[in-house]
N, C-alpha and C. Protein backbone atom coordinates (compact mmCIF):
# COMPACT_ATOMS: atom_id res chain seq x y z
N MET A 1 -28.08 9.48 -2.67
CA MET A 1 -28.29 9.36 -1.30
C MET A 1 -28.87 8.10 -0.81
N ARG A 2 -29.85 7.55 -1.63
CA ARG A 2 -30.59 6.11 -1.56
C ARG A 2 -29.37 4.57 -1.94
N ILE A 3 -28.07 5.24 -2.57
CA ILE A 3 -27.35 4.42 -2.74
C ILE A 3 -26.50 4.24 -1.49
N GLN A 4 -25.92 5.30 -0.72
CA GLN A 4 -25.12 5.44 0.39
C GLN A 4 -26.33 4.76 1.74
N GLY A 5 -27.56 5.02 1.84
CA GLY A 5 -28.51 3.88 2.13
C GLY A 5 -28.05 2.62 2.55
N GLU A 6 -28.24 2.25 1.05
CA GLU A 6 -28.20 0.91 1.05
C GLU A 6 -26.97 0.01 1.40
N GLN A 7 -25.90 0.76 0.96
CA GLN A 7 -24.23 0.26 1.36
C GLN A 7 -24.23 0.43 2.94
N LYS A 8 -24.84 1.07 3.40
CA LYS A 8 -24.91 0.91 4.91
C LYS A 8 -25.67 -0.58 5.55
N TYR A 9 -26.51 -0.52 5.00
CA TYR A 9 -27.28 -2.00 5.17
C TYR A 9 -26.76 -2.95 4.78
N VAL A 10 -25.49 -2.79 3.72
CA VAL A 10 -25.01 -4.27 3.12
C VAL A 10 -23.79 -4.20 4.46
N LEU A 11 -23.27 -3.53 5.12
CA LEU A 11 -22.42 -3.36 6.09
C LEU A 11 -22.95 -3.78 7.51
N LEU A 12 -23.74 -3.52 7.40
CA LEU A 12 -25.03 -4.14 8.56
C LEU A 12 -25.40 -5.42 8.70
N ALA A 13 -25.50 -5.75 7.42
CA ALA A 13 -25.63 -7.37 7.33
C ALA A 13 -24.73 -7.82 7.54
N GLY A 14 -23.47 -7.61 6.70
CA GLY A 14 -21.95 -8.09 7.21
C GLY A 14 -21.66 -8.16 8.77
N MET A 15 -21.76 -7.44 9.13
CA MET A 15 -21.59 -7.12 10.58
C MET A 15 -22.51 -8.47 11.07
N THR A 16 -24.00 -8.13 11.17
CA THR A 16 -24.57 -9.02 11.59
C THR A 16 -24.49 -10.35 11.55
N GLY A 17 -23.99 -10.93 10.25
CA GLY A 17 -23.49 -12.04 10.03
C GLY A 17 -22.31 -12.28 10.70
N PHE A 18 -21.30 -11.69 10.80
CA PHE A 18 -19.98 -12.04 11.48
C PHE A 18 -20.41 -12.26 12.78
N LEU A 19 -21.05 -11.28 13.54
CA LEU A 19 -21.28 -11.34 14.85
C LEU A 19 -22.13 -12.72 15.10
N LEU A 20 -23.13 -13.14 14.73
CA LEU A 20 -24.01 -14.59 14.73
C LEU A 20 -22.81 -15.58 14.24
N GLY A 21 -22.15 -15.62 13.47
CA GLY A 21 -20.94 -16.41 13.66
C GLY A 21 -20.03 -16.50 14.83
N ILE A 22 -19.51 -15.41 15.38
CA ILE A 22 -18.91 -15.43 16.73
C ILE A 22 -19.63 -15.79 17.91
N CYS A 23 -20.85 -15.85 17.58
CA CYS A 23 -21.80 -16.51 18.94
C CYS A 23 -22.21 -17.54 18.67
N SER A 24 -21.85 -17.93 17.28
CA SER A 24 -22.56 -19.56 17.24
C SER A 24 -21.27 -20.38 17.53
N ALA A 25 -20.06 -20.19 17.13
CA ALA A 25 -18.70 -20.62 17.21
C ALA A 25 -18.56 -20.72 18.65
N ASN A 26 -19.10 -19.43 19.79
CA ASN A 26 -18.88 -19.35 21.15
C ASN A 26 -19.71 -20.10 22.03
N LEU A 27 -20.92 -19.97 21.54
CA LEU A 27 -22.06 -20.03 22.45
C LEU A 27 -22.69 -21.60 21.93
N TRP A 28 -22.93 -21.71 20.89
CA TRP A 28 -23.99 -23.17 20.64
C TRP A 28 -23.10 -24.14 20.17
N MET A 29 -21.85 -23.83 19.55
CA MET A 29 -21.18 -24.96 18.75
C MET A 29 -19.84 -24.92 19.08
N LYS A 30 -19.40 -24.57 20.22
CA LYS A 30 -18.36 -24.52 21.21
C LYS A 30 -17.60 -25.91 21.24
N GLN A 31 -17.85 -26.70 21.50
CA GLN A 31 -17.48 -28.27 21.30
C GLN A 31 -17.34 -28.84 19.72
N TYR A 32 -18.17 -28.48 19.30
CA TYR A 32 -17.82 -28.96 17.69
C TYR A 32 -16.31 -28.48 17.14
N VAL A 33 -16.53 -26.85 17.65
CA VAL A 33 -15.28 -26.27 17.23
C VAL A 33 -14.29 -26.81 17.91
N LEU A 34 -14.33 -27.04 19.10
CA LEU A 34 -13.00 -27.86 19.54
C LEU A 34 -12.43 -28.97 19.24
N ASP A 35 -13.45 -29.99 18.27
CA ASP A 35 -13.48 -31.15 18.28
C ASP A 35 -13.70 -31.31 16.81
N ILE A 36 -13.23 -30.16 15.89
CA ILE A 36 -13.05 -30.50 14.34
C ILE A 36 -11.51 -30.17 14.16
N GLY A 37 -10.91 -30.90 13.13
CA GLY A 37 -9.69 -31.41 13.18
C GLY A 37 -9.12 -30.21 11.98
N ILE A 38 -9.71 -29.34 11.14
CA ILE A 38 -9.22 -28.87 10.24
C ILE A 38 -7.77 -27.78 10.94
N LEU A 39 -8.26 -27.22 12.47
CA LEU A 39 -6.58 -26.75 12.91
C LEU A 39 -6.00 -27.35 13.60
N ASN A 40 -6.31 -28.45 13.46
CA ASN A 40 -5.43 -29.12 14.39
C ASN A 40 -3.86 -29.16 13.91
N GLN A 41 -2.67 -29.56 14.57
CA GLN A 41 -1.53 -29.20 14.46
C GLN A 41 -1.05 -30.07 13.12
N TYR A 42 -2.00 -31.96 13.56
CA TYR A 42 -1.53 -32.69 12.57
C TYR A 42 -2.16 -32.17 11.02
N PHE A 43 -3.21 -31.49 11.18
CA PHE A 43 -3.99 -31.27 9.79
C PHE A 43 -2.74 -29.76 9.19
N LEU A 44 -2.56 -29.11 9.95
CA LEU A 44 -1.64 -28.28 9.56
C LEU A 44 -0.33 -28.72 8.61
N GLU A 45 0.13 -29.91 9.68
CA GLU A 45 1.72 -30.40 8.95
C GLU A 45 1.29 -31.11 7.68
N GLN A 46 -0.17 -31.63 7.43
CA GLN A 46 -0.14 -32.25 6.53
C GLN A 46 -0.44 -31.45 5.35
N TYR A 47 -0.84 -30.51 5.65
CA TYR A 47 -1.02 -29.19 4.55
C TYR A 47 0.21 -29.04 4.17
N ASN A 48 1.12 -28.79 5.13
CA ASN A 48 2.45 -27.95 4.84
C ASN A 48 3.09 -29.44 3.81
N ARG A 49 3.15 -30.27 3.81
CA ARG A 49 3.81 -31.74 3.21
C ARG A 49 3.08 -31.74 1.61
N ALA A 50 2.11 -31.39 1.37
CA ALA A 50 1.50 -31.80 0.46
C ALA A 50 2.03 -31.46 -0.75
N ASP A 51 2.02 -32.08 -1.84
CA ASP A 51 2.18 -31.28 -3.25
C ASP A 51 0.84 -31.24 -4.12
N ILE A 52 1.14 -30.29 -4.49
CA ILE A 52 0.06 -29.60 -4.94
C ILE A 52 0.08 -29.67 -6.79
N VAL A 53 -1.19 -30.33 -7.06
CA VAL A 53 -1.23 -30.85 -8.52
C VAL A 53 -1.80 -29.22 -8.72
N TYR A 54 -1.07 -28.51 -9.12
CA TYR A 54 -1.56 -27.02 -9.68
C TYR A 54 -2.68 -27.33 -10.60
N GLU A 55 -2.52 -28.00 -11.71
CA GLU A 55 -3.39 -28.10 -12.68
C GLU A 55 -4.75 -28.37 -12.15
N ALA A 56 -4.66 -29.67 -11.83
CA ALA A 56 -5.89 -29.79 -11.13
C ALA A 56 -6.51 -28.80 -9.81
N TYR A 57 -6.00 -28.66 -9.41
CA TYR A 57 -6.43 -27.23 -8.32
C TYR A 57 -6.72 -26.06 -8.78
N LEU A 58 -6.00 -25.76 -9.91
CA LEU A 58 -6.83 -24.35 -11.10
C LEU A 58 -8.12 -24.90 -11.28
N TRP A 59 -8.28 -25.93 -12.11
CA TRP A 59 -9.79 -26.49 -12.34
C TRP A 59 -10.91 -26.86 -11.18
N TYR A 60 -10.14 -27.05 -10.05
CA TYR A 60 -11.03 -26.85 -8.93
C TYR A 60 -11.60 -25.93 -8.43
N LEU A 61 -10.60 -24.73 -8.44
CA LEU A 61 -10.71 -23.38 -8.16
C LEU A 61 -11.51 -22.20 -8.89
N VAL A 62 -11.49 -22.88 -10.40
CA VAL A 62 -12.57 -22.30 -11.36
C VAL A 62 -13.86 -22.61 -11.14
N LYS A 63 -14.34 -24.30 -10.70
CA LYS A 63 -15.44 -24.52 -10.79
C LYS A 63 -16.22 -23.90 -9.14
N SER A 64 -15.08 -24.06 -8.09
CA SER A 64 -16.13 -23.96 -6.86
C SER A 64 -15.59 -22.11 -6.74
N ARG A 65 -15.15 -21.67 -7.37
CA ARG A 65 -15.01 -20.08 -7.15
C ARG A 65 -16.18 -19.12 -8.07
N GLY A 66 -16.41 -20.10 -9.32
CA GLY A 66 -16.99 -19.68 -10.38
C GLY A 66 -18.59 -19.51 -10.13
N THR A 67 -18.61 -20.66 -9.46
CA THR A 67 -19.94 -21.31 -9.64
C THR A 67 -20.92 -20.07 -8.64
N PRO A 68 -20.34 -19.83 -7.68
CA PRO A 68 -21.39 -18.36 -6.56
C PRO A 68 -21.32 -17.47 -7.61
N PHE A 69 -20.03 -16.74 -8.37
CA PHE A 69 -20.32 -16.06 -9.25
C PHE A 69 -21.48 -15.71 -10.07
N VAL A 70 -21.36 -17.25 -10.76
CA VAL A 70 -22.72 -17.49 -11.92
C VAL A 70 -23.66 -17.06 -11.58
N LEU A 71 -24.20 -17.97 -10.02
CA LEU A 71 -25.22 -17.67 -9.43
C LEU A 71 -25.58 -16.45 -9.18
N LEU A 72 -24.77 -15.69 -8.75
CA LEU A 72 -25.44 -14.26 -8.82
C LEU A 72 -25.11 -13.31 -9.44
N LEU A 73 -24.75 -13.60 -10.73
CA LEU A 73 -25.02 -12.99 -11.76
C LEU A 73 -26.60 -13.29 -12.38
N ALA A 74 -26.84 -14.60 -12.26
CA ALA A 74 -28.33 -14.96 -12.43
C ALA A 74 -29.27 -14.84 -11.93
N ALA A 75 -28.69 -14.46 -10.18
CA ALA A 75 -29.64 -13.50 -9.57
C ALA A 75 -29.87 -11.63 -9.74
N ALA A 76 -28.94 -11.32 -10.35
CA ALA A 76 -28.53 -10.27 -10.44
C ALA A 76 -29.74 -9.90 -11.62
N GLY A 77 -30.21 -10.97 -12.47
CA GLY A 77 -31.18 -10.85 -13.31
C GLY A 77 -32.81 -10.57 -13.01
N THR A 78 -32.70 -10.93 -12.10
CA THR A 78 -33.98 -11.17 -11.18
C THR A 78 -34.37 -10.03 -10.19
N ARG A 79 -35.56 -10.18 -9.98
CA ARG A 79 -36.06 -8.72 -8.99
C ARG A 79 -35.81 -9.36 -7.36
N TYR A 80 -35.21 -10.43 -7.38
CA TYR A 80 -34.53 -10.65 -5.67
C TYR A 80 -32.80 -10.11 -5.61
N ARG A 81 -32.58 -9.28 -6.50
CA ARG A 81 -31.17 -9.16 -6.57
C ARG A 81 -30.74 -8.60 -5.56
N LYS A 82 -31.44 -7.39 -4.76
CA LYS A 82 -30.80 -7.03 -3.56
C LYS A 82 -30.83 -8.12 -2.03
N THR A 83 -32.01 -8.71 -2.23
CA THR A 83 -32.07 -9.92 -1.23
C THR A 83 -31.12 -10.79 -1.66
N ALA A 84 -30.57 -11.44 -2.69
CA ALA A 84 -29.19 -12.23 -3.18
C ALA A 84 -28.57 -11.29 -2.06
N VAL A 85 -27.87 -10.20 -2.30
CA VAL A 85 -27.13 -9.47 -2.08
C VAL A 85 -26.67 -9.44 -0.58
N MET A 86 -27.76 -9.36 0.34
CA MET A 86 -27.90 -9.25 1.66
C MET A 86 -27.69 -10.48 2.26
N LEU A 87 -28.38 -11.63 1.35
CA LEU A 87 -28.15 -12.94 2.33
C LEU A 87 -26.70 -13.39 1.77
N THR A 88 -26.14 -13.17 0.71
CA THR A 88 -24.79 -13.45 0.49
C THR A 88 -23.77 -12.90 1.31
N VAL A 89 -23.71 -11.36 1.71
CA VAL A 89 -23.25 -10.96 2.66
C VAL A 89 -23.24 -11.05 4.29
N VAL A 90 -24.66 -11.91 4.29
CA VAL A 90 -24.62 -12.24 5.73
C VAL A 90 -24.06 -13.62 5.99
N TRP A 91 -24.04 -14.15 4.85
CA TRP A 91 -23.67 -15.73 4.79
C TRP A 91 -22.11 -15.81 5.15
N LEU A 92 -21.61 -14.39 4.09
CA LEU A 92 -20.30 -14.56 4.18
C LEU A 92 -19.52 -14.15 5.53
N GLY A 93 -20.28 -13.03 6.19
CA GLY A 93 -19.61 -12.44 7.58
C GLY A 93 -20.06 -13.69 8.71
N PHE A 94 -21.07 -14.56 8.11
CA PHE A 94 -21.37 -15.65 9.34
C PHE A 94 -19.81 -16.60 9.19
N CYS A 95 -19.57 -16.96 8.03
CA CYS A 95 -18.70 -17.73 7.74
C CYS A 95 -17.43 -17.35 8.28
N PHE A 96 -17.05 -16.14 7.99
CA PHE A 96 -16.01 -15.17 8.47
C PHE A 96 -15.73 -15.17 9.99
N GLY A 97 -16.86 -15.03 10.79
CA GLY A 97 -16.95 -15.00 12.24
C GLY A 97 -16.50 -16.19 12.89
N MET A 98 -17.26 -17.40 11.65
CA MET A 98 -16.87 -18.89 12.49
C MET A 98 -15.41 -19.05 12.59
N VAL A 99 -15.08 -18.84 11.09
CA VAL A 99 -13.46 -19.29 10.76
C VAL A 99 -12.52 -18.38 12.07
N ILE A 100 -12.95 -17.43 12.15
CA ILE A 100 -12.15 -16.25 12.94
C ILE A 100 -12.08 -16.98 14.26
N CYS A 101 -13.21 -17.34 14.78
CA CYS A 101 -13.11 -18.09 16.18
C CYS A 101 -12.91 -19.37 16.56
N MET A 102 -12.90 -20.15 15.12
CA MET A 102 -12.22 -21.42 15.65
C MET A 102 -10.67 -20.98 15.45
N ALA A 103 -9.71 -20.07 14.73
CA ALA A 103 -8.52 -19.97 14.34
C ALA A 103 -8.10 -19.27 15.92
N ILE A 104 -9.04 -18.26 16.47
CA ILE A 104 -8.43 -18.18 17.81
C ILE A 104 -8.63 -19.23 18.72
N ILE A 105 -9.66 -20.21 19.14
CA ILE A 105 -9.41 -20.77 19.99
C ILE A 105 -8.58 -21.86 19.73
N LYS A 106 -8.05 -22.87 18.71
CA LYS A 106 -7.39 -23.51 18.54
C LYS A 106 -5.83 -22.69 18.52
N LEU A 107 -5.49 -21.66 17.61
CA LEU A 107 -4.22 -21.31 17.38
C LEU A 107 -3.93 -19.76 18.49
N GLY A 108 -4.99 -19.58 19.15
CA GLY A 108 -4.68 -17.87 19.85
C GLY A 108 -4.40 -17.06 18.79
N SER A 109 -3.40 -16.23 18.60
CA SER A 109 -2.99 -14.95 18.00
C SER A 109 -2.72 -15.20 16.79
N LYS A 110 -1.96 -16.30 16.47
CA LYS A 110 -1.24 -16.76 15.54
C LYS A 110 -2.47 -17.25 14.51
N GLY A 111 -3.24 -17.58 15.15
CA GLY A 111 -4.78 -17.89 14.20
C GLY A 111 -5.19 -16.76 13.08
N ILE A 112 -5.41 -15.58 13.95
CA ILE A 112 -5.76 -14.79 12.96
C ILE A 112 -4.54 -14.27 12.05
N VAL A 113 -3.47 -14.69 12.18
CA VAL A 113 -2.19 -14.42 11.10
C VAL A 113 -2.36 -15.63 10.03
N LEU A 114 -2.88 -16.56 10.63
CA LEU A 114 -2.88 -17.68 9.82
C LEU A 114 -4.39 -17.33 8.93
N ILE A 115 -5.52 -17.20 9.30
CA ILE A 115 -6.56 -16.81 8.25
C ILE A 115 -6.34 -15.67 7.41
N VAL A 116 -5.36 -14.58 7.93
CA VAL A 116 -5.02 -13.64 7.11
C VAL A 116 -3.91 -13.68 5.84
N THR A 117 -3.30 -14.73 6.51
CA THR A 117 -2.41 -15.52 5.33
C THR A 117 -3.20 -16.45 4.31
N ALA A 118 -4.00 -16.93 4.84
CA ALA A 118 -4.78 -17.99 4.23
C ALA A 118 -5.82 -17.25 2.97
N LEU A 119 -5.85 -16.16 3.34
CA LEU A 119 -7.15 -15.04 2.44
C LEU A 119 -6.73 -13.97 1.40
N ALA A 120 -4.76 -14.00 1.77
CA ALA A 120 -4.48 -12.86 1.00
C ALA A 120 -3.56 -13.67 -0.30
N PRO A 121 -3.20 -13.23 -1.10
CA PRO A 121 -3.73 -12.24 -1.62
C PRO A 121 -5.33 -12.39 -2.78
N GLN A 122 -5.82 -13.63 -2.83
CA GLN A 122 -6.65 -13.77 -3.63
C GLN A 122 -8.26 -13.31 -2.94
N GLY A 123 -8.13 -13.06 -1.79
CA GLY A 123 -9.51 -12.62 -0.98
C GLY A 123 -9.70 -11.18 -1.36
N ILE A 124 -8.55 -10.35 -1.87
CA ILE A 124 -8.48 -8.75 -2.18
C ILE A 124 -9.24 -8.87 -3.71
N PHE A 125 -8.75 -9.80 -4.81
CA PHE A 125 -9.03 -9.61 -5.99
C PHE A 125 -10.75 -10.24 -5.81
N TYR A 126 -11.25 -11.07 -4.79
CA TYR A 126 -12.48 -11.75 -4.63
C TYR A 126 -13.21 -10.65 -4.21
N ALA A 127 -13.17 -10.08 -3.28
CA ALA A 127 -13.75 -8.93 -3.18
C ALA A 127 -13.97 -7.91 -3.58
N MET A 128 -13.19 -7.32 -4.60
CA MET A 128 -13.16 -6.60 -5.89
C MET A 128 -14.18 -7.10 -6.57
N ALA A 129 -14.45 -7.78 -7.05
CA ALA A 129 -15.32 -8.61 -7.92
C ALA A 129 -16.32 -8.73 -7.20
N GLY A 130 -16.38 -9.00 -5.82
CA GLY A 130 -17.76 -8.71 -5.32
C GLY A 130 -18.33 -7.50 -5.35
N ILE A 131 -17.74 -6.21 -5.07
CA ILE A 131 -18.00 -5.20 -5.14
C ILE A 131 -18.36 -4.64 -6.50
N VAL A 132 -17.71 -5.04 -8.02
CA VAL A 132 -18.25 -4.74 -8.96
C VAL A 132 -19.50 -5.48 -9.06
N LEU A 133 -19.90 -6.42 -8.48
CA LEU A 133 -21.27 -7.46 -8.77
C LEU A 133 -22.40 -6.74 -7.76
N PHE A 134 -21.94 -6.61 -6.70
CA PHE A 134 -23.07 -6.06 -5.64
C PHE A 134 -23.22 -4.42 -5.96
N ARG A 135 -22.37 -3.87 -6.64
CA ARG A 135 -22.63 -2.40 -6.79
C ARG A 135 -23.95 -2.44 -7.92
N TYR A 136 -23.37 -3.33 -8.76
CA TYR A 136 -24.63 -3.07 -9.61
C TYR A 136 -25.95 -3.75 -9.17
N MET A 137 -25.70 -4.72 -8.57
CA MET A 137 -27.33 -5.45 -7.73
C MET A 137 -27.96 -4.37 -7.38
N LEU A 138 -26.96 -3.49 -6.92
CA LEU A 138 -27.63 -2.66 -5.45
C LEU A 138 -28.28 -1.48 -6.34
N GLU A 139 -27.66 -0.97 -6.86
CA GLU A 139 -27.90 0.40 -7.84
C GLU A 139 -28.59 0.31 -9.16
N TYR A 140 -29.03 -1.42 -9.64
CA TYR A 140 -30.02 -1.15 -10.55
C TYR A 140 -31.37 -0.58 -10.13
N PRO A 141 -32.14 0.20 -11.25
CA PRO A 141 -32.10 0.22 -12.63
C PRO A 141 -31.28 1.61 -13.04
N MET A 142 -30.58 2.21 -11.84
CA MET A 142 -30.02 3.58 -12.06
C MET A 142 -28.34 2.91 -13.09
N VAL A 143 -27.98 1.93 -12.96
CA VAL A 143 -26.86 2.04 -13.63
C VAL A 143 -27.37 0.55 -14.40
N ARG A 144 -26.66 0.16 -15.45
CA ARG A 144 -26.67 -0.87 -16.31
C ARG A 144 -25.55 -1.80 -16.79
N TRP A 145 -25.62 -2.95 -16.78
CA TRP A 145 -24.28 -3.84 -17.33
C TRP A 145 -23.73 -3.16 -18.31
N ASP A 146 -22.59 -3.10 -18.23
CA ASP A 146 -21.97 -2.97 -19.42
C ASP A 146 -20.39 -4.02 -19.72
N ALA A 147 -19.89 -3.32 -20.86
CA ALA A 147 -18.38 -4.46 -20.85
C ALA A 147 -17.37 -4.06 -19.74
N GLY A 148 -17.32 -2.90 -19.37
CA GLY A 148 -16.48 -2.11 -18.38
C GLY A 148 -16.74 -3.10 -17.20
N ARG A 149 -17.76 -3.43 -16.76
CA ARG A 149 -18.08 -4.04 -15.65
C ARG A 149 -17.82 -5.78 -15.70
N SER A 150 -18.28 -6.26 -16.85
CA SER A 150 -17.85 -7.39 -17.32
C SER A 150 -16.31 -7.64 -17.23
N ILE A 151 -15.61 -7.02 -17.81
CA ILE A 151 -13.96 -7.00 -17.69
C ILE A 151 -13.91 -6.82 -16.33
N ARG A 152 -13.88 -6.05 -15.42
CA ARG A 152 -13.61 -5.78 -14.06
C ARG A 152 -14.08 -7.25 -13.77
N LEU A 153 -15.11 -7.55 -13.53
CA LEU A 153 -15.50 -8.90 -12.71
C LEU A 153 -14.87 -10.16 -13.71
N GLY A 154 -14.53 -10.36 -14.81
CA GLY A 154 -13.52 -11.18 -15.32
C GLY A 154 -12.22 -11.50 -14.78
N LEU A 155 -11.60 -10.34 -14.65
CA LEU A 155 -10.27 -9.66 -14.59
C LEU A 155 -10.13 -10.15 -13.14
N PHE A 156 -10.98 -9.45 -11.96
CA PHE A 156 -10.60 -10.08 -10.97
C PHE A 156 -11.15 -11.34 -10.34
N LEU A 157 -11.80 -11.66 -10.73
CA LEU A 157 -12.12 -13.23 -10.68
C LEU A 157 -10.91 -14.16 -10.93
N MET A 158 -10.44 -13.65 -12.14
CA MET A 158 -9.37 -14.49 -12.75
C MET A 158 -8.22 -14.32 -11.74
N LEU A 159 -7.75 -13.10 -11.86
CA LEU A 159 -6.78 -12.87 -10.66
C LEU A 159 -6.81 -13.40 -9.25
N GLY A 160 -7.99 -13.51 -8.97
CA GLY A 160 -8.39 -14.31 -7.52
C GLY A 160 -7.92 -15.67 -7.39
N ILE A 161 -8.24 -16.11 -8.80
CA ILE A 161 -8.48 -18.21 -8.85
C ILE A 161 -7.02 -18.13 -9.45
N ILE A 162 -6.01 -17.47 -9.89
CA ILE A 162 -4.83 -17.59 -10.08
C ILE A 162 -3.84 -17.27 -9.09
N THR A 163 -3.80 -16.27 -8.07
CA THR A 163 -3.13 -16.23 -7.12
C THR A 163 -3.90 -17.06 -6.08
N GLU A 164 -5.06 -17.39 -5.81
CA GLU A 164 -5.08 -18.66 -5.18
C GLU A 164 -4.42 -19.99 -5.34
N CYS A 165 -4.31 -19.69 -6.61
CA CYS A 165 -3.89 -21.27 -6.40
C CYS A 165 -2.20 -21.27 -7.20
N TYR A 166 -2.03 -20.42 -7.55
CA TYR A 166 -0.11 -20.25 -7.38
C TYR A 166 0.55 -19.65 -6.27
N VAL A 167 0.15 -18.72 -5.50
CA VAL A 167 0.43 -17.71 -4.66
C VAL A 167 0.07 -18.30 -3.17
N ASN A 168 -1.16 -18.44 -3.05
CA ASN A 168 -1.69 -18.81 -1.58
C ASN A 168 -0.88 -19.81 -0.96
N PRO A 169 -0.71 -21.07 -1.64
CA PRO A 169 -0.03 -22.22 -1.62
C PRO A 169 1.34 -21.90 -0.81
N VAL A 170 2.01 -21.11 -1.44
CA VAL A 170 3.57 -20.89 -1.08
C VAL A 170 3.71 -19.71 -0.06
N LEU A 171 2.50 -18.36 -0.09
CA LEU A 171 2.42 -17.65 1.74
C LEU A 171 2.10 -18.86 2.74
N THR A 172 1.09 -19.22 2.69
CA THR A 172 0.55 -20.59 3.70
C THR A 172 1.14 -21.22 4.04
N GLY A 173 2.19 -21.87 3.03
CA GLY A 173 3.21 -22.46 3.31
C GLY A 173 4.50 -22.34 4.29
N LEU A 174 4.67 -21.07 4.07
CA LEU A 174 6.05 -20.07 4.68
C LEU A 174 5.41 -19.94 6.23
N PHE A 175 4.26 -19.58 6.50
CA PHE A 175 3.78 -19.16 7.77
C PHE A 175 3.67 -20.62 8.47
N LEU A 176 3.10 -21.45 7.79
CA LEU A 176 2.90 -22.82 8.28
C LEU A 176 4.29 -23.45 9.10
N LYS A 177 5.51 -22.87 8.07
CA LYS A 177 6.51 -23.37 8.64
C LYS A 177 6.97 -22.83 10.00
N THR A 178 6.37 -21.44 10.30
CA THR A 178 6.68 -20.85 11.79
C THR A 178 6.30 -21.28 12.80
N LEU A 179 5.17 -22.17 12.50
CA LEU A 179 4.09 -22.29 13.58
C LEU A 179 4.90 -23.59 14.44
């Protein structure tokens, strides 16, 4: 019963962050969103023409995706584990709300498709890794960390990094050719 309540709070935290991101993008940062160049046609064409050095990109992803998980694992060993989950979920919701708004403002409905394409398929694996870690952090001390959780977390994180490195550039490139 208690776990379901905490899951509702996590969902509420994520939705709060998402709504704050949307409000922030539309009300307070609209000019900044319009001026930012990341979703301009020029940038999207440059991305489509870029030659990816996969080995360097792989190590970049290991560093940039692994670091937050290592920090969350460290937070899992403290008494602030639930606070860390909530803050992380609010931040991820905020970022997602901002990015969705930027994409819609710049590209309309194609922006939503671009974001979904840019997050697939690695986003599924990262979400699964986050669920493994967050469930442990929220359910502690009723559950303990074990080898199964370590394997699942490592496998999902590794699959996310590999698909982001080798599959996502192809999918995103294919979509960008349709713009």
